[in-house]
Amino acid sequence: MTGTLPTPAIRLISHVRSPQRTAQLSAREREVLALVARGNGNKAIAKELFVSEATVKTHLAHVYDKLGVTDRAAAVATGYELGILG
């Protein structure tokens, strides 16, 4: 044995170790992320979308989780990097 892993095994290990940055955002999550990218706060986003601030926070938590980030700035940067935001 040469000590190297076959390519499919390497891909699987890389996928498991890396955050799920390619996860699909829902339409509403993309909408919230776009409003964040325009500089809107949670209150303004809630008013724009006719939802509660708690709902906005929930959508943002899902966005952070799916993109593997921990804050608004990183979510926006990653959104641009992945082509989610224009």
C-alpha atoms as a PDB file:
ATOM      1  CA  MET A   1       0.000   0.000   0.000  1.00  0.00           C
ATOM      2  CA  THR A   2       1.342   3.397  -0.955  1.00  0.00           C
ATOM      3  CA  GLY A   3      -0.195   5.308   1.951  1.00  0.00           C
ATOM      4  CA  THR A   4      -2.357   7.561  -0.211  1.00  0.00           C
ATOM      5  CA  LEU A   5      -6.102   7.608  -0.257  1.00  0.00           C
ATOM      6  CA  PRO A   6      -8.114   7.172  -3.435  1.00  0.00           C
ATOM      7  CA  THR A   7      -9.540  10.422  -4.821  1.00  0.00           C
ATOM      8  CA  PRO A   8     -13.163   9.737  -3.745  1.00  0.00           C
ATOM      9  CA  ALA A   9     -12.002   9.199  -0.161  1.00  0.00           C
ATOM     10  CA  ILE A  10     -10.053  12.465  -0.202  1.00  0.00           C
ATOM     11  CA  ARG A  11     -13.127  14.326  -1.495  1.00  0.00           C
ATOM     12  CA  LEU A  12     -15.319  12.793   1.199  1.00  0.00           C
ATOM     13  CA  ILE A  13     -12.883  13.692   3.984  1.00  0.00           C
ATOM     14  CA  SER A  14     -12.568  17.263   2.663  1.00  0.00           C
ATOM     15  CA  HIS A  15     -16.341  17.603   2.469  1.00  0.00           C
ATOM     16  CA  VAL A  16     -16.854  16.376   6.027  1.00  0.00           C
ATOM     17  CA  ARG A  17     -14.114  18.625   7.446  1.00  0.00           C
ATOM     18  CA  SER A  18     -15.171  21.830   5.671  1.00  0.00           C
ATOM     19  CA  PRO A  19     -18.209  23.975   6.542  1.00  0.00           C
ATOM     20  CA  GLN A  20     -21.268  23.636   4.348  1.00  0.00           C
ATOM     21  CA  ARG A  21     -20.612  26.868   2.479  1.00  0.00           C
ATOM     22  CA  THR A  22     -22.260  25.576  -0.668  1.00  0.00           C
ATOM     23  CA  ALA A  23     -25.554  24.754   1.051  1.00  0.00           C
ATOM     24  CA  GLN A  24     -28.572  26.156  -0.715  1.00  0.00           C
ATOM     25  CA  LEU A  25     -30.257  29.105   0.924  1.00  0.00           C
ATOM     26  CA  SER A  26     -34.033  29.347   0.750  1.00  0.00           C
ATOM     27  CA  ALA A  27     -35.562  32.193  -1.224  1.00  0.00           C
ATOM     28  CA  ARG A  28     -36.388  34.022   2.024  1.00  0.00           C
ATOM     29  CA  GLU A  29     -32.857  33.502   3.382  1.00  0.00           C
ATOM     30  CA  ARG A  30     -31.422  34.968   0.160  1.00  0.00           C
ATOM     31  CA  GLU A  31     -33.834  37.893   0.467  1.00  0.00           C
ATOM     32  CA  VAL A  32     -32.779  38.555   4.072  1.00  0.00           C
ATOM     33  CA  LEU A  33     -29.101  38.280   3.126  1.00  0.00           C
ATOM     34  CA  ALA A  34     -29.595  40.761   0.270  1.00  0.00           C
ATOM     35  CA  LEU A  35     -31.247  43.231   2.645  1.00  0.00           C
ATOM     36  CA  VAL A  36     -28.373  42.804   5.112  1.00  0.00           C
ATOM     37  CA  ALA A  37     -25.922  43.462   2.266  1.00  0.00           C
ATOM     38  CA  ARG A  38     -27.730  46.760   1.596  1.00  0.00           C
ATOM     39  CA  GLY A  39     -27.028  47.801   5.185  1.00  0.00           C
ATOM     40  CA  ASN A  40     -30.446  47.160   6.699  1.00  0.00           C
ATOM     41  CA  GLY A  41     -30.785  46.261  10.361  1.00  0.00           C
ATOM     42  CA  ASN A  42     -33.086  43.551  11.664  1.00  0.00           C
ATOM     43  CA  LYS A  43     -35.891  46.009  12.440  1.00  0.00           C
ATOM     44  CA  ALA A  44     -35.856  47.467   8.915  1.00  0.00           C
ATOM     45  CA  ILE A  45     -35.720  43.989   7.363  1.00  0.00           C
ATOM     46  CA  ALA A  46     -38.676  42.858   9.496  1.00  0.00           C
ATOM     47  CA  LYS A  47     -40.690  45.886   8.405  1.00  0.00           C
ATOM     48  CA  GLU A  48     -39.792  45.368   4.724  1.00  0.00           C
ATOM     49  CA  LEU A  49     -40.754  41.675   4.785  1.00  0.00           C
ATOM     50  CA  PHE A  50     -43.767  42.033   7.104  1.00  0.00           C
ATOM     51  CA  VAL A  51     -42.331  39.611   9.673  1.00  0.00           C
ATOM     52  CA  SER A  52     -41.125  39.913  13.266  1.00  0.00           C
ATOM     53  CA  GLU A  53     -37.555  40.738  14.214  1.00  0.00           C
ATOM     54  CA  ALA A  54     -37.371  37.268  15.796  1.00  0.00           C
ATOM     55  CA  THR A  55     -38.165  35.753  12.403  1.00  0.00           C
ATOM     56  CA  VAL A  56     -35.399  37.817  10.788  1.00  0.00           C
ATOM     57  CA  LYS A  57     -32.973  36.600  13.467  1.00  0.00           C
ATOM     58  CA  THR A  58     -34.020  33.006  12.780  1.00  0.00           C
ATOM     59  CA  HIS A  59     -33.429  33.433   9.042  1.00  0.00           C
ATOM     60  CA  LEU A  60     -30.023  34.986   9.746  1.00  0.00           C
ATOM     61  CA  ALA A  61     -29.100  32.104  12.068  1.00  0.00           C
ATOM     62  CA  HIS A  62     -29.913  29.668   9.257  1.00  0.00           C
ATOM     63  CA  VAL A  63     -27.879  31.730   6.771  1.00  0.00           C
ATOM     64  CA  TYR A  64     -24.885  31.789   9.135  1.00  0.00           C
ATOM     65  CA  ASP A  65     -25.130  28.039   9.674  1.00  0.00           C
ATOM     66  CA  LYS A  66     -25.456  27.202   5.984  1.00  0.00           C
ATOM     67  CA  LEU A  67     -22.605  29.511   4.981  1.00  0.00           C
ATOM     68  CA  GLY A  68     -20.351  28.481   7.873  1.00  0.00           C
ATOM     69  CA  VAL A  69     -19.984  32.034   9.204  1.00  0.00           C
ATOM     70  CA  THR A  70     -20.622  33.752  12.531  1.00  0.00           C
ATOM     71  CA  ASP A  71     -21.622  37.332  11.705  1.00  0.00           C
ATOM     72  CA  ARG A  72     -23.340  39.637   9.222  1.00  0.00           C
ATOM     73  CA  ALA A  73     -20.177  40.900   7.556  1.00  0.00           C
ATOM     74  CA  ALA A  74     -18.883  37.391   6.938  1.00  0.00           C
ATOM     75  CA  ALA A  75     -22.283  36.298   5.622  1.00  0.00           C
ATOM     76  CA  VAL A  76     -22.338  39.161   3.117  1.00  0.00           C
ATOM     77  CA  ALA A  77     -18.735  38.553   2.054  1.00  0.00           C
ATOM     78  CA  THR A  78     -19.404  34.846   1.605  1.00  0.00           C
ATOM     79  CA  GLY A  79     -22.632  35.597  -0.241  1.00  0.00           C
ATOM     80  CA  TYR A  80     -20.686  37.641  -2.772  1.00  0.00           C
ATOM     81  CA  GLU A  81     -17.897  35.061  -2.930  1.00  0.00           C
ATOM     82  CA  LEU A  82     -20.344  32.262  -3.714  1.00  0.00           C
ATOM     83  CA  GLY A  83     -22.364  34.310  -6.186  1.00  0.00           C
ATOM     84  CA  ILE A  84     -25.489  34.340  -4.004  1.00  0.00           C
ATOM     85  CA  LEU A  85     -25.424  38.134  -4.012  1.00  0.00           C
ATOM     86  CA  GLY A  86     -25.025  40.016  -7.274  1.00  0.00           C
END
